[in-house]
């Protein structure tokens, strides 16, 4: 099981539903409603912040590619 799926299973049903909607927006690059910044020292890598959760992703060929999703304290390790 990959780490994104494993992380989603740890969450409550409400949080999981919210993050699945966010992941769908990231894949389609609909990022206007979110806090998105590029990561220093990592060219082309962005992070999306929602509460204490972070989604790290890249833009590839007009689509988003999720690299990692985790809580704030664990995502940058």
PDB file of N, CA and C in Angstrom:
ATOM      1  N   UNK A   1       0.850  -1.177   0.000  1.00  0.00           N
ATOM      2  CA  UNK A   1       0.000   0.000   0.000  1.00  0.00           C
ATOM      3  C   UNK A   1       0.894   1.238   0.000  1.00  0.00           C
ATOM      4  N   UNK A   2       0.616   2.193  -0.865  1.00  0.00           N
ATOM      5  CA  UNK A   2       1.461   3.379  -0.914  1.00  0.00           C
ATOM      6  C   UNK A   2       1.175   4.303   0.270  1.00  0.00           C
ATOM      7  N   UNK A   3       2.091   5.250   0.514  1.00  0.00           N
ATOM      8  CA  UNK A   3       1.999   6.063   1.721  1.00  0.00           C
ATOM      9  C   UNK A   3       0.857   7.067   1.673  1.00  0.00           C
ATOM     10  N   UNK A   4       0.422   7.483   0.504  1.00  0.00           N
ATOM     11  CA  UNK A   4      -0.707   8.407   0.405  1.00  0.00           C
ATOM     12  C   UNK A   4      -1.997   7.707   0.822  1.00  0.00           C
ATOM     13  N   UNK A   5      -2.214   6.520   0.315  1.00  0.00           N
ATOM     14  CA  UNK A   5      -3.410   5.755   0.667  1.00  0.00           C
ATOM     15  C   UNK A   5      -3.400   5.407   2.158  1.00  0.00           C
ATOM     16  N   UNK A   6      -2.241   5.058   2.680  1.00  0.00           N
ATOM     17  CA  UNK A   6      -2.107   4.714   4.084  1.00  0.00           C
ATOM     18  C   UNK A   6      -2.431   5.921   4.974  1.00  0.00           C
ATOM     19  N   UNK A   7      -1.961   7.107   4.563  1.00  0.00           N
ATOM     20  CA  UNK A   7      -2.247   8.325   5.323  1.00  0.00           C
ATOM     21  C   UNK A   7      -3.745   8.631   5.320  1.00  0.00           C
ATOM     22  N   UNK A   8      -4.386   8.490   4.173  1.00  0.00           N
ATOM     23  CA  UNK A   8      -5.814   8.777   4.074  1.00  0.00           C
ATOM     24  C   UNK A   8      -6.641   7.846   4.953  1.00  0.00           C
ATOM     25  N   UNK A   9      -6.215   6.604   5.094  1.00  0.00           N
ATOM     26  CA  UNK A   9      -6.948   5.655   5.924  1.00  0.00           C
ATOM     27  C   UNK A   9      -6.860   5.981   7.418  1.00  0.00           C
ATOM     28  N   UNK A  10      -5.858   6.741   7.827  1.00  0.00           N
ATOM     29  CA  UNK A  10      -5.707   7.136   9.218  1.00  0.00           C
ATOM     30  C   UNK A  10      -6.689   8.242   9.613  1.00  0.00           C
ATOM     31  N   UNK A  11      -7.205   8.960   8.639  1.00  0.00           N
ATOM     32  CA  UNK A  11      -8.050  10.125   8.906  1.00  0.00           C
ATOM     33  C   UNK A  11      -9.500   9.734   9.144  1.00  0.00           C
ATOM     34  N   UNK A  12     -10.236  10.671   9.723  1.00  0.00           N
ATOM     35  CA  UNK A  12     -11.675  10.460   9.890  1.00  0.00           C
ATOM     36  C   UNK A  12     -12.351  10.559   8.518  1.00  0.00           C
ATOM     37  N   UNK A  13     -13.567  10.115   8.454  1.00  0.00           N
ATOM     38  CA  UNK A  13     -14.302  10.105   7.186  1.00  0.00           C
ATOM     39  C   UNK A  13     -14.458  11.523   6.626  1.00  0.00           C
ATOM     40  N   UNK A  14     -14.712  12.481   7.512  1.00  0.00           N
ATOM     41  CA  UNK A  14     -14.889  13.873   7.101  1.00  0.00           C
ATOM     42  C   UNK A  14     -13.592  14.452   6.535  1.00  0.00           C
ATOM     43  N   UNK A  15     -12.480  14.222   7.242  1.00  0.00           N
ATOM     44  CA  UNK A  15     -11.183  14.713   6.772  1.00  0.00           C
ATOM     45  C   UNK A  15     -10.776  14.041   5.468  1.00  0.00           C
ATOM     46  N   UNK A  16     -11.040  12.742   5.358  1.00  0.00           N
ATOM     47  CA  UNK A  16     -10.700  11.997   4.149  1.00  0.00           C
ATOM     48  C   UNK A  16     -11.442  12.556   2.939  1.00  0.00           C
ATOM     49  N   UNK A  17     -12.725  12.847   3.123  1.00  0.00           N
ATOM     50  CA  UNK A  17     -13.538  13.392   2.038  1.00  0.00           C
ATOM     51  C   UNK A  17     -12.994  14.752   1.583  1.00  0.00           C
ATOM     52  N   UNK A  18     -12.603  15.596   2.538  1.00  0.00           N
ATOM     53  CA  UNK A  18     -12.035  16.896   2.228  1.00  0.00           C
ATOM     54  C   UNK A  18     -10.724  16.754   1.460  1.00  0.00           C
ATOM     55  N   UNK A  19      -9.839  15.862   1.922  1.00  0.00           N
ATOM     56  CA  UNK A  19      -8.548  15.691   1.255  1.00  0.00           C
ATOM     57  C   UNK A  19      -8.690  15.057  -0.126  1.00  0.00           C
ATOM     58  N   UNK A  20      -9.650  14.179  -0.307  1.00  0.00           N
ATOM     59  CA  UNK A  20      -9.867  13.609  -1.643  1.00  0.00           C
ATOM     60  C   UNK A  20     -10.320  14.678  -2.626  1.00  0.00           C
ATOM     61  N   UNK A  21     -11.135  15.619  -2.150  1.00  0.00           N
ATOM     62  CA  UNK A  21     -11.550  16.730  -3.010  1.00  0.00           C
ATOM     63  C   UNK A  21     -10.355  17.630  -3.337  1.00  0.00           C
ATOM     64  N   UNK A  22      -9.498  17.866  -2.336  1.00  0.00           N
ATOM     65  CA  UNK A  22      -8.293  18.672  -2.555  1.00  0.00           C
ATOM     66  C   UNK A  22      -7.361  17.974  -3.544  1.00  0.00           C
ATOM     67  N   UNK A  23      -7.182  16.661  -3.396  1.00  0.00           N
ATOM     68  CA  UNK A  23      -6.323  15.922  -4.323  1.00  0.00           C
ATOM     69  C   UNK A  23      -6.860  15.977  -5.750  1.00  0.00           C
ATOM     70  N   UNK A  24      -8.169  15.910  -5.910  1.00  0.00           N
ATOM     71  CA  UNK A  24      -8.769  16.024  -7.247  1.00  0.00           C
ATOM     72  C   UNK A  24      -8.469  17.395  -7.845  1.00  0.00           C
ATOM     73  N   UNK A  25      -8.543  18.446  -7.014  1.00  0.00           N
ATOM     74  CA  UNK A  25      -8.222  19.797  -7.494  1.00  0.00           C
ATOM     75  C   UNK A  25      -6.751  19.925  -7.856  1.00  0.00           C
ATOM     76  N   UNK A  26      -5.876  19.298  -7.077  1.00  0.00           N
ATOM     77  CA  UNK A  26      -4.436  19.343  -7.373  1.00  0.00           C
ATOM     78  C   UNK A  26      -4.155  18.645  -8.698  1.00  0.00           C
ATOM     79  N   UNK A  27      -4.760  17.501  -8.923  1.00  0.00           N
ATOM     80  CA  UNK A  27      -4.526  16.770 -10.170  1.00  0.00           C
ATOM     81  C   UNK A  27      -4.983  17.568 -11.382  1.00  0.00           C
ATOM     82  N   UNK A  28      -6.034  18.390 -11.229  1.00  0.00           N
ATOM     83  CA  UNK A  28      -6.542  19.212 -12.320  1.00  0.00           C
ATOM     84  C   UNK A  28      -5.944  20.618 -12.291  1.00  0.00           C
ATOM     85  N   UNK A  29      -5.076  20.900 -11.319  1.00  0.00           N
ATOM     86  CA  UNK A  29      -4.422  22.198 -11.122  1.00  0.00           C
ATOM     87  C   UNK A  29      -5.424  23.339 -10.928  1.00  0.00           C
ATOM     88  N   UNK A  30      -6.489  23.089 -10.198  1.00  0.00           N
ATOM     89  CA  UNK A  30      -7.446  24.122  -9.798  1.00  0.00           C
ATOM     90  C   UNK A  30      -7.033  24.593  -8.406  1.00  0.00           C
ATOM     91  N   UNK A  31      -6.071  25.511  -8.355  1.00  0.00           N
ATOM     92  CA  UNK A  31      -5.419  25.855  -7.101  1.00  0.00           C
ATOM     93  C   UNK A  31      -5.752  27.254  -6.594  1.00  0.00           C
ATOM     94  N   UNK A  32      -6.709  27.935  -7.187  1.00  0.00           N
ATOM     95  CA  UNK A  32      -7.007  29.316  -6.830  1.00  0.00           C
ATOM     96  C   UNK A  32      -7.505  29.477  -5.401  1.00  0.00           C
ATOM     97  N   UNK A  33      -8.189  28.502  -4.857  1.00  0.00           N
ATOM     98  CA  UNK A  33      -8.797  28.613  -3.534  1.00  0.00           C
ATOM     99  C   UNK A  33      -7.896  28.120  -2.402  1.00  0.00           C
ATOM    100  N   UNK A  34      -6.653  27.766  -2.697  1.00  0.00           N
ATOM    101  CA  UNK A  34      -5.783  27.144  -1.705  1.00  0.00           C
ATOM    102  C   UNK A  34      -4.517  27.964  -1.479  1.00  0.00           C
ATOM    103  N   UNK A  35      -3.866  27.717  -0.355  1.00  0.00           N
ATOM    104  CA  UNK A  35      -2.586  28.328  -0.023  1.00  0.00           C
ATOM    105  C   UNK A  35      -1.481  27.459  -0.619  1.00  0.00           C
ATOM    106  N   UNK A  36      -0.934  27.893  -1.752  1.00  0.00           N
ATOM    107  CA  UNK A  36       0.080  27.119  -2.463  1.00  0.00           C
ATOM    108  C   UNK A  36       1.345  27.957  -2.561  1.00  0.00           C
ATOM    109  N   UNK A  37       2.473  27.354  -2.215  1.00  0.00           N
ATOM    110  CA  UNK A  37       3.773  28.015  -2.329  1.00  0.00           C
ATOM    111  C   UNK A  37       4.786  27.024  -2.867  1.00  0.00           C
ATOM    112  N   UNK A  38       5.837  27.555  -3.500  1.00  0.00           N
ATOM    113  CA  UNK A  38       6.900  26.668  -3.964  1.00  0.00           C
ATOM    114  C   UNK A  38       7.866  26.409  -2.806  1.00  0.00           C
ATOM    115  N   UNK A  39       8.461  25.235  -2.800  1.00  0.00           N
ATOM    116  CA  UNK A  39       9.406  24.858  -1.748  1.00  0.00           C
ATOM    117  C   UNK A  39      10.799  25.355  -2.111  1.00  0.00           C
ATOM    118  N   UNK A  40      11.478  25.921  -1.145  1.00  0.00           N
ATOM    119  CA  UNK A  40      12.829  26.424  -1.369  1.00  0.00           C
ATOM    120  C   UNK A  40      13.792  25.262  -1.577  1.00  0.00           C
ATOM    121  N   UNK A  41      14.683  25.419  -2.523  1.00  0.00           N
ATOM    122  CA  UNK A  41      15.699  24.406  -2.761  1.00  0.00           C
ATOM    123  C   UNK A  41      15.234  23.221  -3.585  1.00  0.00           C
ATOM    124  N   UNK A  42      13.971  23.210  -3.965  1.00  0.00           N
ATOM    125  CA  UNK A  42      13.439  22.102  -4.760  1.00  0.00           C
ATOM    126  C   UNK A  42      12.692  22.710  -5.948  1.00  0.00           C
ATOM    127  N   UNK A  43      13.347  22.787  -7.061  1.00  0.00           N
ATOM    128  CA  UNK A  43      12.788  23.447  -8.234  1.00  0.00           C
ATOM    129  C   UNK A  43      11.562  22.694  -8.771  1.00  0.00           C
ATOM    130  N   UNK A  44      10.473  23.427  -8.927  1.00  0.00           N
ATOM    131  CA  UNK A  44       9.260  22.853  -9.493  1.00  0.00           C
ATOM    132  C   UNK A  44       8.374  22.108  -8.510  1.00  0.00           C
ATOM    133  N   UNK A  45       8.767  22.059  -7.232  1.00  0.00           N
ATOM    134  CA  UNK A  45       7.978  21.354  -6.230  1.00  0.00           C
ATOM    135  C   UNK A  45       7.186  22.378  -5.429  1.00  0.00           C
ATOM    136  N   UNK A  46       5.891  22.127  -5.297  1.00  0.00           N
ATOM    137  CA  UNK A  46       4.992  23.036  -4.599  1.00  0.00           C
ATOM    138  C   UNK A  46       4.377  22.341  -3.402  1.00  0.00           C
ATOM    139  N   UNK A  47       3.856  23.145  -2.461  1.00  0.00           N
ATOM    140  CA  UNK A  47       3.132  22.577  -1.348  1.00  0.00           C
ATOM    141  C   UNK A  47       1.810  23.300  -1.199  1.00  0.00           C
ATOM    142  N   UNK A  48       0.798  22.545  -0.844  1.00  0.00           N
ATOM    143  CA  UNK A  48      -0.533  23.073  -0.580  1.00  0.00           C
ATOM    144  C   UNK A  48      -0.809  22.859   0.902  1.00  0.00           C
ATOM    145  N   UNK A  49      -1.243  23.920   1.568  1.00  0.00           N
ATOM    146  CA  UNK A  49      -1.489  23.850   3.005  1.00  0.00           C
ATOM    147  C   UNK A  49      -2.986  23.904   3.276  1.00  0.00           C
ATOM    148  N   UNK A  50      -3.471  22.972   4.066  1.00  0.00           N
ATOM    149  CA  UNK A  50      -4.873  22.960   4.511  1.00  0.00           C
ATOM    150  C   UNK A  50      -4.883  22.506   5.961  1.00  0.00           C
ATOM    151  N   UNK A  51      -5.005  23.464   6.874  1.00  0.00           N
ATOM    152  CA  UNK A  51      -4.949  23.138   8.294  1.00  0.00           C
ATOM    153  C   UNK A  51      -3.563  22.646   8.665  1.00  0.00           C
ATOM    154  N   UNK A  52      -3.477  21.505   9.310  1.00  0.00           N
ATOM    155  CA  UNK A  52      -2.172  20.939   9.669  1.00  0.00           C
ATOM    156  C   UNK A  52      -1.734  19.847   8.697  1.00  0.00           C
ATOM    157  N   UNK A  53      -2.387  19.789   7.548  1.00  0.00           N
ATOM    158  CA  UNK A  53      -2.031  18.809   6.522  1.00  0.00           C
ATOM    159  C   UNK A  53      -1.352  19.505   5.356  1.00  0.00           C
ATOM    160  N   UNK A  54      -0.398  18.818   4.727  1.00  0.00           N
ATOM    161  CA  UNK A  54       0.334  19.364   3.592  1.00  0.00           C
ATOM    162  C   UNK A  54       0.294  18.379   2.433  1.00  0.00           C
ATOM    163  N   UNK A  55       0.116  18.909   1.234  1.00  0.00           N
ATOM    164  CA  UNK A  55       0.181  18.109   0.014  1.00  0.00           C
ATOM    165  C   UNK A  55       1.352  18.655  -0.788  1.00  0.00           C
ATOM    166  N   UNK A  56       2.344  17.835  -1.049  1.00  0.00           N
ATOM    167  CA  UNK A  56       3.522  18.222  -1.829  1.00  0.00           C
ATOM    168  C   UNK A  56       3.328  17.644  -3.229  1.00  0.00           C
ATOM    169  N   UNK A  57       3.464  18.522  -4.242  1.00  0.00           N
ATOM    170  CA  UNK A  57       3.186  18.085  -5.611  1.00  0.00           C
ATOM    171  C   UNK A  57       4.031  18.851  -6.618  1.00  0.00           C
ATOM    172  N   UNK A  58       3.996  18.370  -7.853  1.00  0.00           N
ATOM    173  CA  UNK A  58       4.681  19.005  -8.987  1.00  0.00           C
ATOM    174  C   UNK A  58       3.673  19.195 -10.104  1.00  0.00           C
ATOM    175  N   UNK A  59       3.969  20.143 -10.981  1.00  0.00           N
ATOM    176  CA  UNK A  59       3.173  20.321 -12.189  1.00  0.00           C
ATOM    177  C   UNK A  59       3.902  19.611 -13.325  1.00  0.00           C
ATOM    178  N   UNK A  60       3.212  18.710 -13.995  1.00  0.00           N
ATOM    179  CA  UNK A  60       3.793  17.959 -15.119  1.00  0.00           C
ATOM    180  C   UNK A  60       2.795  17.904 -16.255  1.00  0.00           C
ATOM    181  N   UNK A  61       3.154  18.450 -17.387  1.00  0.00           N
ATOM    182  CA  UNK A  61       2.355  18.365 -18.614  1.00  0.00           C
ATOM    183  C   UNK A  61       0.907  18.799 -18.396  1.00  0.00           C
ATOM    184  N   UNK A  62       0.722  19.913 -17.696  1.00  0.00           N
ATOM    185  CA  UNK A  62      -0.614  20.449 -17.492  1.00  0.00           C
ATOM    186  C   UNK A  62      -1.445  19.740 -16.441  1.00  0.00           C
ATOM    187  N   UNK A  63      -0.836  18.858 -15.670  1.00  0.00           N
ATOM    188  CA  UNK A  63      -1.537  18.138 -14.601  1.00  0.00           C
ATOM    189  C   UNK A  63      -0.671  18.178 -13.343  1.00  0.00           C
ATOM    190  N   UNK A  64      -1.292  17.925 -12.219  1.00  0.00           N
ATOM    191  CA  UNK A  64      -0.555  17.859 -10.969  1.00  0.00           C
ATOM    192  C   UNK A  64      -0.161  16.423 -10.663  1.00  0.00           C
ATOM    193  N   UNK A  65       1.008  16.259 -10.073  1.00  0.00           N
ATOM    194  CA  UNK A  65       1.483  14.936  -9.676  1.00  0.00           C
ATOM    195  C   UNK A  65       1.815  14.990  -8.183  1.00  0.00           C
ATOM    196  N   UNK A  66       1.035  14.299  -7.371  1.00  0.00           N
ATOM    197  CA  UNK A  66       1.200  14.328  -5.914  1.00  0.00           C
ATOM    198  C   UNK A  66       2.416  13.493  -5.525  1.00  0.00           C
ATOM    199  N   UNK A  67       3.318  14.110  -4.767  1.00  0.00           N
ATOM    200  CA  UNK A  67       4.518  13.421  -4.295  1.00  0.00           C
ATOM    201  C   UNK A  67       4.339  12.882  -2.885  1.00  0.00           C
ATOM    202  N   UNK A  68       3.686  13.669  -2.036  1.00  0.00           N
ATOM    203  CA  UNK A  68       3.532  13.267  -0.644  1.00  0.00           C
ATOM    204  C   UNK A  68       2.349  14.004  -0.042  1.00  0.00           C
ATOM    205  N   UNK A  69       1.735  13.399   0.948  1.00  0.00           N
ATOM    206  CA  UNK A  69       0.686  14.031   1.723  1.00  0.00           C
ATOM    207  C   UNK A  69       0.848  13.546   3.152  1.00  0.00           C
ATOM    208  N   UNK A  70       0.896  14.496   4.094  1.00  0.00           N
ATOM    209  CA  UNK A  70       1.121  14.123   5.497  1.00  0.00           C
ATOM    210  C   UNK A  70       0.781  15.310   6.387  1.00  0.00           C
ATOM    211  N   UNK A  71       0.889  15.085   7.689  1.00  0.00           N
ATOM    212  CA  UNK A  71       0.737  16.174   8.637  1.00  0.00           C
ATOM    213  C   UNK A  71       1.955  17.088   8.551  1.00  0.00           C
ATOM    214  N   UNK A  72       1.791  18.317   8.981  1.00  0.00           N
ATOM    215  CA  UNK A  72       2.838  19.337   8.878  1.00  0.00           C
ATOM    216  C   UNK A  72       4.150  18.873   9.487  1.00  0.00           C
ATOM    217  N   UNK A  73       4.105  18.221  10.624  1.00  0.00           N
ATOM    218  CA  UNK A  73       5.342  17.829  11.320  1.00  0.00           C
ATOM    219  C   UNK A  73       6.107  16.718  10.605  1.00  0.00           C
ATOM    220  N   UNK A  74       5.438  15.970   9.733  1.00  0.00           N
ATOM    221  CA  UNK A  74       6.064  14.810   9.103  1.00  0.00           C
ATOM    222  C   UNK A  74       6.368  14.979   7.616  1.00  0.00           C
ATOM    223  N   UNK A  75       5.764  15.935   6.955  1.00  0.00           N
ATOM    224  CA  UNK A  75       5.800  15.968   5.497  1.00  0.00           C
ATOM    225  C   UNK A  75       7.160  16.306   4.914  1.00  0.00           C
ATOM    226  N   UNK A  76       7.969  17.109   5.580  1.00  0.00           N
ATOM    227  CA  UNK A  76       9.227  17.563   4.991  1.00  0.00           C
ATOM    228  C   UNK A  76      10.413  16.688   5.332  1.00  0.00           C
ATOM    229  N   UNK A  77      10.207  15.580   6.014  1.00  0.00           N
ATOM    230  CA  UNK A  77      11.285  14.675   6.383  1.00  0.00           C
ATOM    231  C   UNK A  77      11.766  13.880   5.203  1.00  0.00           C
TER     232      UNK A  77
END
